[in-house]
mmCIF file of all heavy atoms, coordinates in Angstrom:
data_MODEL
# 
_entry.id   MODEL 
# 
loop_
_atom_site.group_PDB 
_atom_site.id 
_atom_site.type_symbol 
_atom_site.label_atom_id 
_atom_site.label_alt_id 
_atom_site.label_comp_id 
_atom_site.label_asym_id 
_atom_site.label_entity_id 
_atom_site.label_seq_id 
_atom_site.pdbx_PDB_ins_code 
_atom_site.Cartn_x 
_atom_site.Cartn_y 
_atom_site.Cartn_z 
_atom_site.occupancy 
_atom_site.B_iso_or_equiv 
_atom_site.pdbx_formal_charge 
_atom_site.auth_seq_id 
_atom_site.auth_comp_id 
_atom_site.auth_asym_id 
_atom_site.auth_atom_id 
_atom_site.pdbx_PDB_model_num 
ATOM 1   N N   . ASN A 1 1  ? -149.979 145.501 101.494 1.00 0.00 ? 1  ASN A N   1 
ATOM 2   C CA  . ASN A 1 1  ? -150.128 144.731 100.257 1.00 0.00 ? 1  ASN A CA  1 
ATOM 3   C C   . ASN A 1 1  ? -150.763 145.527 99.124  1.00 0.00 ? 1  ASN A C   1 
ATOM 4   O O   . ASN A 1 1  ? -150.987 144.976 98.038  1.00 0.00 ? 1  ASN A O   1 
ATOM 5   C CB  . ASN A 1 1  ? -150.964 143.470 100.519 1.00 0.00 ? 1  ASN A CB  1 
ATOM 6   C CG  . ASN A 1 1  ? -150.158 142.394 101.220 1.00 0.00 ? 1  ASN A CG  1 
ATOM 7   O OD1 . ASN A 1 1  ? -148.940 142.430 101.237 1.00 0.00 ? 1  ASN A OD1 1 
ATOM 8   N ND2 . ASN A 1 1  ? -150.845 141.441 101.830 1.00 0.00 ? 1  ASN A ND2 1 
ATOM 9   N N   . ILE A 1 2  ? -151.073 146.797 99.352  1.00 0.00 ? 2  ILE A N   1 
ATOM 10  C CA  . ILE A 1 2  ? -151.714 147.605 98.307  1.00 0.00 ? 2  ILE A CA  1 
ATOM 11  C C   . ILE A 1 2  ? -150.924 148.887 98.075  1.00 0.00 ? 2  ILE A C   1 
ATOM 12  O O   . ILE A 1 2  ? -150.638 149.629 99.016  1.00 0.00 ? 2  ILE A O   1 
ATOM 13  C CB  . ILE A 1 2  ? -153.159 147.990 98.695  1.00 0.00 ? 2  ILE A CB  1 
ATOM 14  C CG1 . ILE A 1 2  ? -154.014 146.759 98.971  1.00 0.00 ? 2  ILE A CG1 1 
ATOM 15  C CG2 . ILE A 1 2  ? -153.795 148.832 97.593  1.00 0.00 ? 2  ILE A CG2 1 
ATOM 16  C CD1 . ILE A 1 2  ? -155.416 147.099 99.473  1.00 0.00 ? 2  ILE A CD1 1 
ATOM 17  N N   . GLU A 1 3  ? -150.581 149.130 96.819  1.00 0.00 ? 3  GLU A N   1 
ATOM 18  C CA  . GLU A 1 3  ? -150.017 150.428 96.423  1.00 0.00 ? 3  GLU A CA  1 
ATOM 19  C C   . GLU A 1 3  ? -150.721 150.875 95.156  1.00 0.00 ? 3  GLU A C   1 
ATOM 20  O O   . GLU A 1 3  ? -150.978 150.070 94.253  1.00 0.00 ? 3  GLU A O   1 
ATOM 21  C CB  . GLU A 1 3  ? -148.510 150.356 96.174  1.00 0.00 ? 3  GLU A CB  1 
ATOM 22  C CG  . GLU A 1 3  ? -147.931 151.693 95.708  1.00 0.00 ? 3  GLU A CG  1 
ATOM 23  C CD  . GLU A 1 3  ? -146.435 151.657 95.451  1.00 0.00 ? 3  GLU A CD  1 
ATOM 24  O OE1 . GLU A 1 3  ? -145.784 150.662 95.840  1.00 0.00 ? 3  GLU A OE1 1 
ATOM 25  O OE2 . GLU A 1 3  ? -145.913 152.617 94.856  1.00 0.00 ? 3  GLU A OE2 1 
ATOM 26  N N   . PHE A 1 4  ? -151.041 152.159 95.071  1.00 0.00 ? 4  PHE A N   1 
ATOM 27  C CA  . PHE A 1 4  ? -151.631 152.740 93.878  1.00 0.00 ? 4  PHE A CA  1 
ATOM 28  C C   . PHE A 1 4  ? -150.560 153.526 93.125  1.00 0.00 ? 4  PHE A C   1 
ATOM 29  O O   . PHE A 1 4  ? -149.901 154.385 93.714  1.00 0.00 ? 4  PHE A O   1 
ATOM 30  C CB  . PHE A 1 4  ? -152.784 153.688 94.234  1.00 0.00 ? 4  PHE A CB  1 
ATOM 31  C CG  . PHE A 1 4  ? -154.017 152.994 94.717  1.00 0.00 ? 4  PHE A CG  1 
ATOM 32  C CD1 . PHE A 1 4  ? -154.186 152.710 96.064  1.00 0.00 ? 4  PHE A CD1 1 
ATOM 33  C CD2 . PHE A 1 4  ? -155.017 152.624 93.829  1.00 0.00 ? 4  PHE A CD2 1 
ATOM 34  C CE1 . PHE A 1 4  ? -155.332 152.071 96.523  1.00 0.00 ? 4  PHE A CE1 1 
ATOM 35  C CE2 . PHE A 1 4  ? -156.170 151.980 94.276  1.00 0.00 ? 4  PHE A CE2 1 
ATOM 36  C CZ  . PHE A 1 4  ? -156.323 151.705 95.625  1.00 0.00 ? 4  PHE A CZ  1 
ATOM 37  N N   . ARG A 1 5  ? -150.408 153.219 91.842  1.00 0.00 ? 5  ARG A N   1 
ATOM 38  C CA  . ARG A 1 5  ? -149.512 154.004 90.981  1.00 0.00 ? 5  ARG A CA  1 
ATOM 39  C C   . ARG A 1 5  ? -150.367 154.630 89.884  1.00 0.00 ? 5  ARG A C   1 
ATOM 40  O O   . ARG A 1 5  ? -150.831 153.953 88.961  1.00 0.00 ? 5  ARG A O   1 
ATOM 41  C CB  . ARG A 1 5  ? -148.414 153.132 90.380  1.00 0.00 ? 5  ARG A CB  1 
ATOM 42  C CG  . ARG A 1 5  ? -147.393 153.925 89.551  1.00 0.00 ? 5  ARG A CG  1 
ATOM 43  C CD  . ARG A 1 5  ? -146.096 153.153 89.410  1.00 0.00 ? 5  ARG A CD  1 
ATOM 44  N NE  . ARG A 1 5  ? -145.467 153.001 90.715  1.00 0.00 ? 5  ARG A NE  1 
ATOM 45  C CZ  . ARG A 1 5  ? -144.541 152.080 91.006  1.00 0.00 ? 5  ARG A CZ  1 
ATOM 46  N NH1 . ARG A 1 5  ? -144.134 151.239 90.071  1.00 0.00 ? 5  ARG A NH1 1 
ATOM 47  N NH2 . ARG A 1 5  ? -144.022 152.000 92.215  1.00 0.00 ? 5  ARG A NH2 1 
ATOM 48  N N   . LEU A 1 6  ? -150.619 155.919 90.017  1.00 0.00 ? 6  LEU A N   1 
ATOM 49  C CA  . LEU A 1 6  ? -151.476 156.615 89.061  1.00 0.00 ? 6  LEU A CA  1 
ATOM 50  C C   . LEU A 1 6  ? -150.645 157.171 87.906  1.00 0.00 ? 6  LEU A C   1 
ATOM 51  O O   . LEU A 1 6  ? -149.574 157.737 88.127  1.00 0.00 ? 6  LEU A O   1 
ATOM 52  C CB  . LEU A 1 6  ? -152.251 157.735 89.758  1.00 0.00 ? 6  LEU A CB  1 
ATOM 53  C CG  . LEU A 1 6  ? -153.132 157.306 90.938  1.00 0.00 ? 6  LEU A CG  1 
ATOM 54  C CD1 . LEU A 1 6  ? -154.108 158.417 91.302  1.00 0.00 ? 6  LEU A CD1 1 
ATOM 55  C CD2 . LEU A 1 6  ? -153.893 156.021 90.648  1.00 0.00 ? 6  LEU A CD2 1 
ATOM 56  N N   . THR A 1 7  ? -151.152 156.991 86.704  1.00 0.00 ? 7  THR A N   1 
ATOM 57  C CA  . THR A 1 7  ? -150.415 157.400 85.512  1.00 0.00 ? 7  THR A CA  1 
ATOM 58  C C   . THR A 1 7  ? -150.989 158.695 84.952  1.00 0.00 ? 7  THR A C   1 
ATOM 59  O O   . THR A 1 7  ? -152.194 158.857 84.822  1.00 0.00 ? 7  THR A O   1 
ATOM 60  C CB  . THR A 1 7  ? -150.442 156.302 84.433  1.00 0.00 ? 7  THR A CB  1 
ATOM 61  O OG1 . THR A 1 7  ? -151.807 156.023 84.075  1.00 0.00 ? 7  THR A OG1 1 
ATOM 62  C CG2 . THR A 1 7  ? -149.825 155.027 84.942  1.00 0.00 ? 7  THR A CG2 1 
ATOM 63  N N   . MET A 1 8  ? -150.088 159.602 84.631  1.00 0.00 ? 8  MET A N   1 
ATOM 64  C CA  . MET A 1 8  ? -150.446 160.886 84.018  1.00 0.00 ? 8  MET A CA  1 
ATOM 65  C C   . MET A 1 8  ? -149.478 161.110 82.869  1.00 0.00 ? 8  MET A C   1 
ATOM 66  O O   . MET A 1 8  ? -148.271 161.219 83.092  1.00 0.00 ? 8  MET A O   1 
ATOM 67  C CB  . MET A 1 8  ? -150.330 162.022 85.039  1.00 0.00 ? 8  MET A CB  1 
ATOM 68  C CG  . MET A 1 8  ? -151.133 161.790 86.302  1.00 0.00 ? 8  MET A CG  1 
ATOM 69  S SD  . MET A 1 8  ? -150.876 163.100 87.519  1.00 0.00 ? 8  MET A SD  1 
ATOM 70  C CE  . MET A 1 8  ? -151.374 162.240 89.009  1.00 0.00 ? 8  MET A CE  1 
ATOM 71  N N   . ASN A 1 9  ? -150.003 161.157 81.652  1.00 0.00 ? 9  ASN A N   1 
ATOM 72  C CA  . ASN A 1 9  ? -149.129 161.185 80.492  1.00 0.00 ? 9  ASN A CA  1 
ATOM 73  C C   . ASN A 1 9  ? -149.083 162.522 79.768  1.00 0.00 ? 9  ASN A C   1 
ATOM 74  O O   . ASN A 1 9  ? -148.054 162.924 79.246  1.00 0.00 ? 9  ASN A O   1 
ATOM 75  C CB  . ASN A 1 9  ? -149.543 160.109 79.479  1.00 0.00 ? 9  ASN A CB  1 
ATOM 76  C CG  . ASN A 1 9  ? -149.680 158.750 80.117  1.00 0.00 ? 9  ASN A CG  1 
ATOM 77  O OD1 . ASN A 1 9  ? -150.730 158.416 80.635  1.00 0.00 ? 9  ASN A OD1 1 
ATOM 78  N ND2 . ASN A 1 9  ? -148.620 157.970 80.100  1.00 0.00 ? 9  ASN A ND2 1 
ATOM 79  N N   . CYS A 1 10 ? -150.229 163.184 79.675  1.00 0.00 ? 10 CYS A N   1 
ATOM 80  C CA  . CYS A 1 10 ? -150.280 164.371 78.834  1.00 0.00 ? 10 CYS A CA  1 
ATOM 81  C C   . CYS A 1 10 ? -151.440 165.262 79.250  1.00 0.00 ? 10 CYS A C   1 
ATOM 82  O O   . CYS A 1 10 ? -152.213 164.916 80.151  1.00 0.00 ? 10 CYS A O   1 
ATOM 83  C CB  . CYS A 1 10 ? -150.417 163.981 77.358  1.00 0.00 ? 10 CYS A CB  1 
ATOM 84  S SG  . CYS A 1 10 ? -151.915 163.069 76.988  1.00 0.00 ? 10 CYS A SG  1 
ATOM 85  N N   . VAL A 1 11 ? -151.550 166.413 78.583  1.00 0.00 ? 11 VAL A N   1 
ATOM 86  C CA  . VAL A 1 11 ? -152.569 167.394 78.964  1.00 0.00 ? 11 VAL A CA  1 
ATOM 87  C C   . VAL A 1 11 ? -153.562 167.675 77.841  1.00 0.00 ? 11 VAL A C   1 
ATOM 88  O O   . VAL A 1 11 ? -154.336 168.618 77.917  1.00 0.00 ? 11 VAL A O   1 
ATOM 89  C CB  . VAL A 1 11 ? -151.902 168.714 79.411  1.00 0.00 ? 11 VAL A CB  1 
ATOM 90  C CG1 . VAL A 1 11 ? -151.079 168.486 80.661  1.00 0.00 ? 11 VAL A CG1 1 
ATOM 91  C CG2 . VAL A 1 11 ? -151.036 169.302 78.303  1.00 0.00 ? 11 VAL A CG2 1 
ATOM 92  N N   . ASP A 1 12 ? -153.533 166.864 76.768  1.00 0.00 ? 12 ASP A N   1 
ATOM 93  C CA  . ASP A 1 12 ? -154.489 167.086 75.679  1.00 0.00 ? 12 ASP A CA  1 
ATOM 94  C C   . ASP A 1 12 ? -155.215 165.788 75.336  1.00 0.00 ? 12 ASP A C   1 
ATOM 95  O O   . ASP A 1 12 ? -154.884 164.720 75.838  1.00 0.00 ? 12 ASP A O   1 
ATOM 96  C CB  . ASP A 1 12 ? -153.787 167.654 74.433  1.00 0.00 ? 12 ASP A CB  1 
ATOM 97  C CG  . ASP A 1 12 ? -152.712 166.727 73.889  1.00 0.00 ? 12 ASP A CG  1 
ATOM 98  O OD1 . ASP A 1 12 ? -153.034 165.571 73.564  1.00 0.00 ? 12 ASP A OD1 1 
ATOM 99  O OD2 . ASP A 1 12 ? -151.546 167.148 73.769  1.00 0.00 ? 12 ASP A OD2 1 
ATOM 100 N N   . ASP A 1 13 ? -156.212 165.904 74.481  1.00 0.00 ? 13 ASP A N   1 
ATOM 101 C CA  . ASP A 1 13 ? -157.065 164.759 74.153  1.00 0.00 ? 13 ASP A CA  1 
ATOM 102 C C   . ASP A 1 13 ? -156.572 163.947 72.966  1.00 0.00 ? 13 ASP A C   1 
ATOM 103 O O   . ASP A 1 13 ? -157.155 162.906 72.658  1.00 0.00 ? 13 ASP A O   1 
ATOM 104 C CB  . ASP A 1 13 ? -158.496 165.234 73.855  1.00 0.00 ? 13 ASP A CB  1 
ATOM 105 C CG  . ASP A 1 13 ? -159.163 165.831 75.084  1.00 0.00 ? 13 ASP A CG  1 
ATOM 106 O OD1 . ASP A 1 13 ? -158.814 165.394 76.197  1.00 0.00 ? 13 ASP A OD1 1 
ATOM 107 O OD2 . ASP A 1 13 ? -160.006 166.727 74.935  1.00 0.00 ? 13 ASP A OD2 1 
ATOM 108 N N   . TYR A 1 14 ? -155.531 164.401 72.290  1.00 0.00 ? 14 TYR A N   1 
ATOM 109 C CA  . TYR A 1 14 ? -155.074 163.690 71.098  1.00 0.00 ? 14 TYR A CA  1 
ATOM 110 C C   . TYR A 1 14 ? -154.641 162.263 71.439  1.00 0.00 ? 14 TYR A C   1 
ATOM 111 O O   . TYR A 1 14 ? -155.014 161.312 70.749  1.00 0.00 ? 14 TYR A O   1 
ATOM 112 C CB  . TYR A 1 14 ? -153.907 164.446 70.443  1.00 0.00 ? 14 TYR A CB  1 
ATOM 113 C CG  . TYR A 1 14 ? -153.316 163.712 69.254  1.00 0.00 ? 14 TYR A CG  1 
ATOM 114 C CD1 . TYR A 1 14 ? -153.951 163.737 68.017  1.00 0.00 ? 14 TYR A CD1 1 
ATOM 115 C CD2 . TYR A 1 14 ? -152.137 162.980 69.383  1.00 0.00 ? 14 TYR A CD2 1 
ATOM 116 C CE1 . TYR A 1 14 ? -153.423 163.046 66.934  1.00 0.00 ? 14 TYR A CE1 1 
ATOM 117 C CE2 . TYR A 1 14 ? -151.598 162.295 68.304  1.00 0.00 ? 14 TYR A CE2 1 
ATOM 118 C CZ  . TYR A 1 14 ? -152.241 162.331 67.075  1.00 0.00 ? 14 TYR A CZ  1 
ATOM 119 O OH  . TYR A 1 14 ? -151.719 161.642 66.007  1.00 0.00 ? 14 TYR A OH  1 
ATOM 120 N N   . TRP A 1 15 ? -153.864 162.112 72.493  1.00 0.00 ? 15 TRP A N   1 
ATOM 121 C CA  . TRP A 1 15 ? -153.308 160.811 72.833  1.00 0.00 ? 15 TRP A CA  1 
ATOM 122 C C   . TRP A 1 15 ? -154.269 159.958 73.646  1.00 0.00 ? 15 TRP A C   1 
ATOM 123 O O   . TRP A 1 15 ? -154.319 158.748 73.493  1.00 0.00 ? 15 TRP A O   1 
ATOM 124 C CB  . TRP A 1 15 ? -152.006 160.991 73.621  1.00 0.00 ? 15 TRP A CB  1 
ATOM 125 C CG  . TRP A 1 15 ? -150.905 161.568 72.806  1.00 0.00 ? 15 TRP A CG  1 
ATOM 126 C CD1 . TRP A 1 15 ? -150.443 162.850 72.823  1.00 0.00 ? 15 TRP A CD1 1 
ATOM 127 C CD2 . TRP A 1 15 ? -150.119 160.890 71.818  1.00 0.00 ? 15 TRP A CD2 1 
ATOM 128 N NE1 . TRP A 1 15 ? -149.427 163.017 71.911  1.00 0.00 ? 15 TRP A NE1 1 
ATOM 129 C CE2 . TRP A 1 15 ? -149.216 161.818 71.282  1.00 0.00 ? 15 TRP A CE2 1 
ATOM 130 C CE3 . TRP A 1 15 ? -150.094 159.584 71.329  1.00 0.00 ? 15 TRP A CE3 1 
ATOM 131 C CZ2 . TRP A 1 15 ? -148.287 161.495 70.297  1.00 0.00 ? 15 TRP A CZ2 1 
ATOM 132 C CZ3 . TRP A 1 15 ? -149.172 159.252 70.354  1.00 0.00 ? 15 TRP A CZ3 1 
ATOM 133 C CH2 . TRP A 1 15 ? -148.289 160.190 69.841  1.00 0.00 ? 15 TRP A CH2 1 
ATOM 134 N N   . GLN A 1 16 ? -155.017 160.574 74.538  1.00 0.00 ? 16 GLN A N   1 
ATOM 135 C CA  . GLN A 1 16 ? -155.869 159.835 75.473  1.00 0.00 ? 16 GLN A CA  1 
ATOM 136 C C   . GLN A 1 16 ? -157.306 160.300 75.300  1.00 0.00 ? 16 GLN A C   1 
ATOM 137 O O   . GLN A 1 16 ? -157.795 161.148 76.036  1.00 0.00 ? 16 GLN A O   1 
ATOM 138 C CB  . GLN A 1 16 ? -155.395 160.070 76.906  1.00 0.00 ? 16 GLN A CB  1 
ATOM 139 C CG  . GLN A 1 16 ? -153.978 159.587 77.115  1.00 0.00 ? 16 GLN A CG  1 
ATOM 140 C CD  . GLN A 1 16 ? -153.447 159.856 78.509  1.00 0.00 ? 16 GLN A CD  1 
ATOM 141 O OE1 . GLN A 1 16 ? -152.410 159.344 78.865  1.00 0.00 ? 16 GLN A OE1 1 
ATOM 142 N NE2 . GLN A 1 16 ? -154.135 160.636 79.290  1.00 0.00 ? 16 GLN A NE2 1 
ATOM 143 N N   . GLN A 1 17 ? -157.977 159.698 74.364  1.00 0.00 ? 17 GLN A N   1 
ATOM 144 C CA  . GLN A 1 17 ? -159.283 160.214 73.964  1.00 0.00 ? 17 GLN A CA  1 
ATOM 145 C C   . GLN A 1 17 ? -160.368 159.975 75.005  1.00 0.00 ? 17 GLN A C   1 
ATOM 146 O O   . GLN A 1 17 ? -161.284 160.779 75.155  1.00 0.00 ? 17 GLN A O   1 
ATOM 147 C CB  . GLN A 1 17 ? -159.669 159.588 72.626  1.00 0.00 ? 17 GLN A CB  1 
ATOM 148 C CG  . GLN A 1 17 ? -158.663 159.900 71.522  1.00 0.00 ? 17 GLN A CG  1 
ATOM 149 C CD  . GLN A 1 17 ? -158.832 159.003 70.304  1.00 0.00 ? 17 GLN A CD  1 
ATOM 150 O OE1 . GLN A 1 17 ? -159.901 158.459 70.083  1.00 0.00 ? 17 GLN A OE1 1 
ATOM 151 N NE2 . GLN A 1 17 ? -157.785 158.848 69.516  1.00 0.00 ? 17 GLN A NE2 1 
ATOM 152 N N   . GLY A 1 18 ? -160.279 158.866 75.744  1.00 0.00 ? 18 GLY A N   1 
ATOM 153 C CA  . GLY A 1 18 ? -161.351 158.528 76.669  1.00 0.00 ? 18 GLY A CA  1 
ATOM 154 C C   . GLY A 1 18 ? -160.957 158.515 78.126  1.00 0.00 ? 18 GLY A C   1 
ATOM 155 O O   . GLY A 1 18 ? -161.793 158.266 78.992  1.00 0.00 ? 18 GLY A O   1 
ATOM 156 N N   . SER A 1 19 ? -159.687 158.767 78.437  1.00 0.00 ? 19 SER A N   1 
ATOM 157 C CA  . SER A 1 19 ? -159.226 158.673 79.821  1.00 0.00 ? 19 SER A CA  1 
ATOM 158 C C   . SER A 1 19 ? -159.451 159.982 80.569  1.00 0.00 ? 19 SER A C   1 
ATOM 159 O O   . SER A 1 19 ? -159.643 161.032 79.958  1.00 0.00 ? 19 SER A O   1 
ATOM 160 C CB  . SER A 1 19 ? -157.741 158.294 79.854  1.00 0.00 ? 19 SER A CB  1 
ATOM 161 O OG  . SER A 1 19 ? -156.971 159.280 79.185  1.00 0.00 ? 19 SER A OG  1 
ATOM 162 N N   . PRO A 1 20 ? -159.428 159.931 81.901  1.00 0.00 ? 20 PRO A N   1 
ATOM 163 C CA  . PRO A 1 20 ? -159.669 161.148 82.682  1.00 0.00 ? 20 PRO A CA  1 
ATOM 164 C C   . PRO A 1 20 ? -158.614 162.217 82.416  1.00 0.00 ? 20 PRO A C   1 
ATOM 165 O O   . PRO A 1 20 ? -157.434 161.902 82.193  1.00 0.00 ? 20 PRO A O   1 
ATOM 166 C CB  . PRO A 1 20 ? -159.584 160.652 84.133  1.00 0.00 ? 20 PRO A CB  1 
ATOM 167 C CG  . PRO A 1 20 ? -159.835 159.189 84.059  1.00 0.00 ? 20 PRO A CG  1 
ATOM 168 C CD  . PRO A 1 20 ? -159.270 158.745 82.751  1.00 0.00 ? 20 PRO A CD  1 
ATOM 169 N N   . TYR A 1 21 ? -159.030 163.485 82.457  1.00 0.00 ? 21 TYR A N   1 
ATOM 170 C CA  . TYR A 1 21 ? -158.091 164.597 82.353  1.00 0.00 ? 21 TYR A CA  1 
ATOM 171 C C   . TYR A 1 21 ? -157.158 164.531 83.549  1.00 0.00 ? 21 TYR A C   1 
ATOM 172 O O   . TYR A 1 21 ? -157.557 164.127 84.647  1.00 0.00 ? 21 TYR A O   1 
ATOM 173 C CB  . TYR A 1 21 ? -158.865 165.917 82.336  1.00 0.00 ? 21 TYR A CB  1 
ATOM 174 C CG  . TYR A 1 21 ? -158.035 167.138 82.059  1.00 0.00 ? 21 TYR A CG  1 
ATOM 175 C CD1 . TYR A 1 21 ? -157.287 167.228 80.877  1.00 0.00 ? 21 TYR A CD1 1 
ATOM 176 C CD2 . TYR A 1 21 ? -157.991 168.200 82.951  1.00 0.00 ? 21 TYR A CD2 1 
ATOM 177 C CE1 . TYR A 1 21 ? -156.524 168.354 80.614  1.00 0.00 ? 21 TYR A CE1 1 
ATOM 178 C CE2 . TYR A 1 21 ? -157.233 169.335 82.689  1.00 0.00 ? 21 TYR A CE2 1 
ATOM 179 C CZ  . TYR A 1 21 ? -156.493 169.405 81.523  1.00 0.00 ? 21 TYR A CZ  1 
ATOM 180 O OH  . TYR A 1 21 ? -155.739 170.519 81.252  1.00 0.00 ? 21 TYR A OH  1 
ATOM 181 N N   . TYR A 1 22 ? -155.902 164.932 83.355  1.00 0.00 ? 22 TYR A N   1 
ATOM 182 C CA  . TYR A 1 22 ? -154.901 164.701 84.393  1.00 0.00 ? 22 TYR A CA  1 
ATOM 183 C C   . TYR A 1 22 ? -155.250 165.373 85.723  1.00 0.00 ? 22 TYR A C   1 
ATOM 184 O O   . TYR A 1 22 ? -154.885 164.876 86.795  1.00 0.00 ? 22 TYR A O   1 
ATOM 185 C CB  . TYR A 1 22 ? -153.518 165.143 83.907  1.00 0.00 ? 22 TYR A CB  1 
ATOM 186 C CG  . TYR A 1 22 ? -153.258 166.631 83.973  1.00 0.00 ? 22 TYR A CG  1 
ATOM 187 C CD1 . TYR A 1 22 ? -152.573 167.190 85.041  1.00 0.00 ? 22 TYR A CD1 1 
ATOM 188 C CD2 . TYR A 1 22 ? -153.702 167.480 82.960  1.00 0.00 ? 22 TYR A CD2 1 
ATOM 189 C CE1 . TYR A 1 22 ? -152.345 168.550 85.113  1.00 0.00 ? 22 TYR A CE1 1 
ATOM 190 C CE2 . TYR A 1 22 ? -153.474 168.836 83.023  1.00 0.00 ? 22 TYR A CE2 1 
ATOM 191 C CZ  . TYR A 1 22 ? -152.794 169.373 84.096  1.00 0.00 ? 22 TYR A CZ  1 
ATOM 192 O OH  . TYR A 1 22 ? -152.578 170.714 84.157  1.00 0.00 ? 22 TYR A OH  1 
ATOM 193 N N   . MET A 1 23 ? -155.986 166.479 85.699  1.00 0.00 ? 23 MET A N   1 
ATOM 194 C CA  . MET A 1 23 ? -156.361 167.125 86.952  1.00 0.00 ? 23 MET A CA  1 
ATOM 195 C C   . MET A 1 23 ? -157.320 166.246 87.761  1.00 0.00 ? 23 MET A C   1 
ATOM 196 O O   . MET A 1 23 ? -157.326 166.282 88.990  1.00 0.00 ? 23 MET A O   1 
ATOM 197 C CB  . MET A 1 23 ? -156.995 168.488 86.679  1.00 0.00 ? 23 MET A CB  1 
ATOM 198 C CG  . MET A 1 23 ? -156.004 169.546 86.216  1.00 0.00 ? 23 MET A CG  1 
ATOM 199 S SD  . MET A 1 23 ? -154.696 169.850 87.452  1.00 0.00 ? 23 MET A SD  1 
ATOM 200 C CE  . MET A 1 23 ? -155.628 170.596 88.786  1.00 0.00 ? 23 MET A CE  1 
ATOM 201 N N   . ARG A 1 24 ? -158.124 165.432 87.070  1.00 0.00 ? 24 ARG A N   1 
ATOM 202 C CA  . ARG A 1 24 ? -159.010 164.499 87.774  1.00 0.00 ? 24 ARG A CA  1 
ATOM 203 C C   . ARG A 1 24 ? -158.187 163.371 88.403  1.00 0.00 ? 24 ARG A C   1 
ATOM 204 O O   . ARG A 1 24 ? -158.524 162.881 89.485  1.00 0.00 ? 24 ARG A O   1 
ATOM 205 C CB  . ARG A 1 24 ? -160.050 163.930 86.821  1.00 0.00 ? 24 ARG A CB  1 
ATOM 206 C CG  . ARG A 1 24 ? -161.023 164.966 86.274  1.00 0.00 ? 24 ARG A CG  1 
ATOM 207 C CD  . ARG A 1 24 ? -162.156 164.295 85.524  1.00 0.00 ? 24 ARG A CD  1 
ATOM 208 N NE  . ARG A 1 24 ? -162.963 163.497 86.424  1.00 0.00 ? 24 ARG A NE  1 
ATOM 209 C CZ  . ARG A 1 24 ? -163.820 162.553 86.011  1.00 0.00 ? 24 ARG A CZ  1 
ATOM 210 N NH1 . ARG A 1 24 ? -163.950 162.294 84.718  1.00 0.00 ? 24 ARG A NH1 1 
ATOM 211 N NH2 . ARG A 1 24 ? -164.534 161.873 86.879  1.00 0.00 ? 24 ARG A NH2 1 
ATOM 212 N N   . THR A 1 25 ? -157.106 162.966 87.730  1.00 0.00 ? 25 THR A N   1 
ATOM 213 C CA  . THR A 1 25 ? -156.235 161.938 88.302  1.00 0.00 ? 25 THR A CA  1 
ATOM 214 C C   . THR A 1 25 ? -155.503 162.486 89.520  1.00 0.00 ? 25 THR A C   1 
ATOM 215 O O   . THR A 1 25 ? -155.292 161.764 90.504  1.00 0.00 ? 25 THR A O   1 
ATOM 216 C CB  . THR A 1 25 ? -155.232 161.434 87.245  1.00 0.00 ? 25 THR A CB  1 
ATOM 217 O OG1 . THR A 1 25 ? -155.955 160.966 86.092  1.00 0.00 ? 25 THR A OG1 1 
ATOM 218 C CG2 . THR A 1 25 ? -154.387 160.287 87.780  1.00 0.00 ? 25 THR A CG2 1 
ATOM 219 N N   . ILE A 1 26 ? -155.121 163.752 89.480  1.00 0.00 ? 26 ILE A N   1 
ATOM 220 C CA  . ILE A 1 26 ? -154.518 164.378 90.662  1.00 0.00 ? 26 ILE A CA  1 
ATOM 221 C C   . ILE A 1 26 ? -155.534 164.387 91.807  1.00 0.00 ? 26 ILE A C   1 
ATOM 222 O O   . ILE A 1 26 ? -155.199 164.113 92.968  1.00 0.00 ? 26 ILE A O   1 
ATOM 223 C CB  . ILE A 1 26 ? -154.038 165.804 90.341  1.00 0.00 ? 26 ILE A CB  1 
ATOM 224 C CG1 . ILE A 1 26 ? -152.832 165.757 89.382  1.00 0.00 ? 26 ILE A CG1 1 
ATOM 225 C CG2 . ILE A 1 26 ? -153.648 166.543 91.630  1.00 0.00 ? 26 ILE A CG2 1 
ATOM 226 C CD1 . ILE A 1 26 ? -152.336 167.118 88.939  1.00 0.00 ? 26 ILE A CD1 1 
ATOM 227 N N   . GLY A 1 27 ? -156.801 164.674 91.498  1.00 0.00 ? 27 GLY A N   1 
ATOM 228 C CA  . GLY A 1 27 ? -157.845 164.625 92.513  1.00 0.00 ? 27 GLY A CA  1 
ATOM 229 C C   . GLY A 1 27 ? -157.988 163.238 93.109  1.00 0.00 ? 27 GLY A C   1 
ATOM 230 O O   . GLY A 1 27 ? -158.159 163.082 94.327  1.00 0.00 ? 27 GLY A O   1 
ATOM 231 N N   . ALA A 1 28 ? -157.903 162.214 92.257  1.00 0.00 ? 28 ALA A N   1 
ATOM 232 C CA  . ALA A 1 28 ? -157.965 160.821 92.741  1.00 0.00 ? 28 ALA A CA  1 
ATOM 233 C C   . ALA A 1 28 ? -156.782 160.518 93.645  1.00 0.00 ? 28 ALA A C   1 
ATOM 234 O O   . ALA A 1 28 ? -156.924 159.845 94.679  1.00 0.00 ? 28 ALA A O   1 
ATOM 235 C CB  . ALA A 1 28 ? -157.988 159.864 91.548  1.00 0.00 ? 28 ALA A CB  1 
ATOM 236 N N   . LEU A 1 29 ? -155.611 161.010 93.268  1.00 0.00 ? 29 LEU A N   1 
ATOM 237 C CA  . LEU A 1 29 ? -154.403 160.807 94.069  1.00 0.00 ? 29 LEU A CA  1 
ATOM 238 C C   . LEU A 1 29 ? -154.576 161.386 95.470  1.00 0.00 ? 29 LEU A C   1 
ATOM 239 O O   . LEU A 1 29 ? -154.253 160.733 96.477  1.00 0.00 ? 29 LEU A O   1 
ATOM 240 C CB  . LEU A 1 29 ? -153.212 161.468 93.369  1.00 0.00 ? 29 LEU A CB  1 
ATOM 241 C CG  . LEU A 1 29 ? -151.862 161.409 94.085  1.00 0.00 ? 29 LEU A CG  1 
ATOM 242 C CD1 . LEU A 1 29 ? -151.326 159.994 94.101  1.00 0.00 ? 29 LEU A CD1 1 
ATOM 243 C CD2 . LEU A 1 29 ? -150.862 162.350 93.415  1.00 0.00 ? 29 LEU A CD2 1 
# 
């Protein structure tokens, strides 16, 4: 009943000012 879908959009801070850097999301994955 549980699936995680992690989102990774870009590699710079212009678009995602407060979200984790994508390498941290890969670590979470």
